[in-house]
Amino acid sequence: MTEIIFEVREDVADGGYTAAALGYGIHTQAETLEELRAMVKDAVRCYFDDSMQAPKIIRS
């Protein structure tokens, strides 16, 4: 796999943003889009351990 795609949504009720990976059980949230990008990268790092190759491209 060379890329992973996240669906990003604005949380209208509570504020902030959420991101969910398409086809993977990876979810995260943050107050700003800049924070969300960092949280997405961290979530991908945590999900793909040493036995699994992480994707090189992360789209959100």
N, C-alpha and C. Protein backbone atom coordinates (compact mmCIF):
# COMPACT_ATOMS: atom_id res chain seq x y z
N MET A 1 0.85 -1.17 0.00
CA MET A 1 0.00 0.00 0.00
C MET A 1 0.89 1.24 0.00
N THR A 2 0.53 2.18 -0.82
CA THR A 2 1.34 3.39 -0.91
C THR A 2 0.67 4.61 -0.31
N GLU A 3 -0.67 4.56 -0.13
CA GLU A 3 -1.34 5.72 0.45
C GLU A 3 -2.53 5.30 1.30
N ILE A 4 -2.92 6.21 2.19
CA ILE A 4 -4.10 6.03 3.01
C ILE A 4 -4.88 7.34 2.95
N ILE A 5 -6.20 7.23 2.87
CA ILE A 5 -7.04 8.42 2.71
C ILE A 5 -7.94 8.56 3.93
N PHE A 6 -8.00 9.78 4.45
CA PHE A 6 -8.85 10.11 5.59
C PHE A 6 -9.99 11.00 5.16
N GLU A 7 -11.18 10.72 5.68
CA GLU A 7 -12.32 11.59 5.50
C GLU A 7 -12.33 12.56 6.69
N VAL A 8 -12.33 13.85 6.40
CA VAL A 8 -12.29 14.88 7.44
C VAL A 8 -13.66 15.55 7.50
N ARG A 9 -14.15 15.70 8.73
CA ARG A 9 -15.44 16.37 8.94
C ARG A 9 -15.31 17.41 10.04
N GLU A 10 -16.03 18.50 9.86
CA GLU A 10 -16.10 19.52 10.89
C GLU A 10 -17.22 19.14 11.86
N ASP A 11 -16.93 19.18 13.15
CA ASP A 11 -17.93 18.87 14.16
C ASP A 11 -18.69 20.15 14.49
N VAL A 12 -19.83 20.33 13.85
CA VAL A 12 -20.61 21.56 13.97
C VAL A 12 -21.13 21.75 15.40
N ALA A 13 -21.55 20.68 16.04
CA ALA A 13 -22.14 20.78 17.37
C ALA A 13 -21.12 21.15 18.45
N ASP A 14 -19.95 20.52 18.43
CA ASP A 14 -18.96 20.71 19.48
C ASP A 14 -17.76 21.54 19.05
N GLY A 15 -17.63 21.80 17.76
CA GLY A 15 -16.45 22.49 17.25
C GLY A 15 -15.32 21.49 17.01
N GLY A 16 -14.32 21.92 16.30
CA GLY A 16 -13.19 21.04 15.99
C GLY A 16 -13.45 20.19 14.76
N TYR A 17 -12.59 19.20 14.57
CA TYR A 17 -12.62 18.36 13.39
C TYR A 17 -12.37 16.91 13.77
N THR A 18 -12.90 15.98 12.96
CA THR A 18 -12.64 14.56 13.12
C THR A 18 -12.12 14.01 11.80
N ALA A 19 -11.33 12.95 11.88
CA ALA A 19 -10.79 12.30 10.69
C ALA A 19 -10.91 10.80 10.87
N ALA A 20 -11.33 10.11 9.81
CA ALA A 20 -11.45 8.66 9.81
C ALA A 20 -10.82 8.10 8.55
N ALA A 21 -9.97 7.10 8.69
CA ALA A 21 -9.32 6.48 7.55
C ALA A 21 -10.31 5.61 6.81
N LEU A 22 -10.33 5.69 5.51
CA LEU A 22 -11.21 4.86 4.68
C LEU A 22 -10.61 3.45 4.60
N GLY A 23 -11.34 2.46 5.09
CA GLY A 23 -10.89 1.08 5.01
C GLY A 23 -10.05 0.63 6.18
N TYR A 24 -9.82 1.48 7.17
CA TYR A 24 -9.02 1.15 8.35
C TYR A 24 -9.72 1.67 9.60
N GLY A 25 -9.45 1.08 10.73
CA GLY A 25 -10.03 1.52 11.99
C GLY A 25 -9.20 2.61 12.65
N ILE A 26 -8.90 3.65 11.89
CA ILE A 26 -8.09 4.74 12.42
C ILE A 26 -8.97 5.98 12.47
N HIS A 27 -9.12 6.54 13.68
CA HIS A 27 -9.93 7.74 13.89
C HIS A 27 -9.18 8.68 14.81
N THR A 28 -9.35 9.97 14.62
CA THR A 28 -8.74 10.95 15.50
C THR A 28 -9.53 12.25 15.43
N GLN A 29 -9.23 13.17 16.33
CA GLN A 29 -9.92 14.46 16.35
C GLN A 29 -8.99 15.53 16.88
N ALA A 30 -9.33 16.79 16.57
CA ALA A 30 -8.54 17.93 17.03
C ALA A 30 -9.37 19.20 16.92
N GLU A 31 -8.89 20.26 17.54
CA GLU A 31 -9.59 21.54 17.53
C GLU A 31 -9.38 22.32 16.22
N THR A 32 -8.20 22.22 15.60
CA THR A 32 -7.91 22.94 14.37
C THR A 32 -7.45 21.97 13.29
N LEU A 33 -7.47 22.43 12.04
CA LEU A 33 -7.01 21.57 10.94
C LEU A 33 -5.52 21.28 11.06
N GLU A 34 -4.75 22.25 11.50
CA GLU A 34 -3.30 22.05 11.68
C GLU A 34 -3.04 20.96 12.72
N GLU A 35 -3.74 21.02 13.84
CA GLU A 35 -3.60 19.99 14.87
C GLU A 35 -4.08 18.64 14.35
N LEU A 36 -5.14 18.66 13.54
CA LEU A 36 -5.67 17.41 13.00
C LEU A 36 -4.65 16.72 12.10
N ARG A 37 -3.95 17.47 11.29
CA ARG A 37 -2.92 16.87 10.42
C ARG A 37 -1.86 16.15 11.26
N ALA A 38 -1.43 16.77 12.34
CA ALA A 38 -0.44 16.15 13.22
C ALA A 38 -1.01 14.90 13.89
N MET A 39 -2.27 14.97 14.31
CA MET A 39 -2.91 13.84 14.97
C MET A 39 -3.10 12.67 13.99
N VAL A 40 -3.41 12.97 12.73
CA VAL A 40 -3.56 11.92 11.72
C VAL A 40 -2.22 11.20 11.53
N LYS A 41 -1.14 11.94 11.39
CA LYS A 41 0.18 11.32 11.22
C LYS A 41 0.52 10.44 12.41
N ASP A 42 0.24 10.92 13.62
CA ASP A 42 0.52 10.15 14.82
C ASP A 42 -0.34 8.89 14.88
N ALA A 43 -1.61 8.99 14.51
CA ALA A 43 -2.51 7.84 14.52
C ALA A 43 -2.05 6.77 13.53
N VAL A 44 -1.58 7.19 12.37
CA VAL A 44 -1.06 6.24 11.37
C VAL A 44 0.18 5.55 11.91
N ARG A 45 1.07 6.30 12.53
CA ARG A 45 2.29 5.72 13.12
C ARG A 45 1.94 4.67 14.17
N CYS A 46 0.94 4.96 14.99
CA CYS A 46 0.53 4.02 16.04
C CYS A 46 -0.14 2.78 15.47
N TYR A 47 -0.93 2.93 14.43
CA TYR A 47 -1.68 1.83 13.85
C TYR A 47 -0.77 0.82 13.16
N PHE A 48 0.18 1.32 12.39
CA PHE A 48 1.08 0.44 11.63
C PHE A 48 2.33 0.21 12.46
N ASP A 49 2.42 -0.99 13.07
CA ASP A 49 3.59 -1.29 13.89
C ASP A 49 4.74 -1.77 13.01
N ASP A 50 5.78 -2.29 13.65
CA ASP A 50 6.98 -2.71 12.92
C ASP A 50 6.73 -3.87 11.96
N SER A 51 5.69 -4.67 12.20
CA SER A 51 5.44 -5.82 11.33
C SER A 51 4.63 -5.43 10.08
N MET A 52 4.08 -4.22 10.07
CA MET A 52 3.27 -3.76 8.94
C MET A 52 3.90 -2.50 8.35
N GLN A 53 3.99 -2.44 7.04
CA GLN A 53 4.57 -1.27 6.40
C GLN A 53 3.53 -0.16 6.31
N ALA A 54 3.86 0.99 6.86
CA ALA A 54 2.96 2.15 6.82
C ALA A 54 2.95 2.75 5.42
N PRO A 55 1.84 3.34 5.02
CA PRO A 55 1.76 3.99 3.70
C PRO A 55 2.67 5.20 3.66
N LYS A 56 3.20 5.49 2.50
CA LYS A 56 4.09 6.63 2.32
C LYS A 56 3.31 7.94 2.16
N ILE A 57 2.08 7.88 1.67
CA ILE A 57 1.27 9.08 1.42
C ILE A 57 0.03 9.03 2.31
N ILE A 58 -0.21 10.13 3.01
CA ILE A 58 -1.40 10.26 3.85
C ILE A 58 -2.20 11.43 3.30
N ARG A 59 -3.42 11.17 2.86
CA ARG A 59 -4.28 12.23 2.31
C ARG A 59 -5.44 12.49 3.27
N SER A 60 -5.66 13.77 3.53
CA SER A 60 -6.79 14.13 4.39
C SER A 60 -7.43 15.40 3.89
